[in-house]
């Protein structure tokens, strides 16, 4: 028996990835601008990951849905 997904196109989930990476970037940026509990290098790593994730997922969404 073949199981079917609710959404047949896996690129649909990249939209949620963009939103998640924006949230991670917001958390990292707000932590860098305020006196957060995490060390600065932890927040820089989170910020770099979020920027790269936003770029990659945005390109995938753009190529799939807008081109």
Protein backbone atom coordinates (compact mmCIF):
# COMPACT_ATOMS: atom_id res chain seq x y z
CA UNK A 1 0.00 0.00 0.00
CA UNK A 2 1.44 3.30 -1.06
CA UNK A 3 1.13 6.15 1.45
CA UNK A 4 0.27 9.52 0.00
CA UNK A 5 1.47 12.83 1.33
CA UNK A 6 -0.91 15.66 2.11
CA UNK A 7 1.21 17.87 -0.12
CA UNK A 8 2.69 16.12 -3.13
CA UNK A 9 5.38 18.71 -3.84
CA UNK A 10 8.20 18.65 -1.25
CA UNK A 11 9.21 22.18 -2.26
CA UNK A 12 6.07 23.35 -0.46
CA UNK A 13 7.85 22.74 2.85
CA UNK A 14 10.65 25.13 1.89
CA UNK A 15 8.20 27.95 2.58
CA UNK A 16 8.12 26.84 6.22
CA UNK A 17 11.92 26.66 6.16
CA UNK A 18 12.13 30.31 5.12
CA UNK A 19 9.85 31.29 8.00
CA UNK A 20 11.82 29.16 10.47
CA UNK A 21 15.16 30.63 9.37
CA UNK A 22 13.76 34.16 9.64
CA UNK A 23 12.73 33.36 13.21
CA UNK A 24 16.16 31.91 14.04
CA UNK A 25 17.79 35.01 12.57
CA UNK A 26 15.52 37.25 14.64
CA UNK A 27 16.41 35.37 17.82
CA UNK A 28 20.13 35.54 17.05
CA UNK A 29 20.01 39.23 16.13
CA UNK A 30 18.00 40.19 19.20
CA UNK A 31 20.41 38.20 21.35
CA UNK A 32 23.39 40.02 19.84
CA UNK A 33 21.79 43.42 20.33
CA UNK A 34 20.77 42.77 23.94
CA UNK A 35 22.59 41.19 26.84
CA UNK A 36 21.55 37.60 26.20
CA UNK A 37 22.42 34.42 28.05
CA UNK A 38 24.31 32.88 25.16
CA UNK A 39 27.87 33.76 24.26
CA UNK A 40 28.40 35.95 21.22
CA UNK A 41 30.00 33.27 19.09
CA UNK A 42 26.95 31.03 19.57
CA UNK A 43 24.73 33.82 18.32
CA UNK A 44 27.02 34.56 15.35
CA UNK A 45 26.85 30.89 14.32
CA UNK A 46 23.05 30.99 14.58
CA UNK A 47 22.97 34.18 12.54
CA UNK A 48 25.18 32.71 9.80
CA UNK A 49 23.09 29.52 9.67
CA UNK A 50 19.89 31.53 9.43
CA UNK A 51 21.21 33.78 6.65
CA UNK A 52 22.41 30.80 4.62
CA UNK A 53 19.15 28.95 5.24
CA UNK A 54 17.09 31.95 4.15
CA UNK A 55 19.12 32.25 0.95
CA UNK A 56 18.93 28.55 0.06
CA UNK A 57 15.24 28.09 0.87
CA UNK A 58 14.25 31.35 -0.79
CA UNK A 59 16.03 30.35 -3.98
CA UNK A 60 14.31 26.96 -3.95
CA UNK A 61 10.90 28.55 -3.42
CA UNK A 62 11.56 31.14 -6.12
CA UNK A 63 12.71 28.57 -8.67
CA UNK A 64 9.80 26.24 -7.95
CA UNK A 65 6.89 28.64 -7.68
CA UNK A 66 7.89 31.80 -9.56
CA UNK A 67 9.90 30.68 -12.55
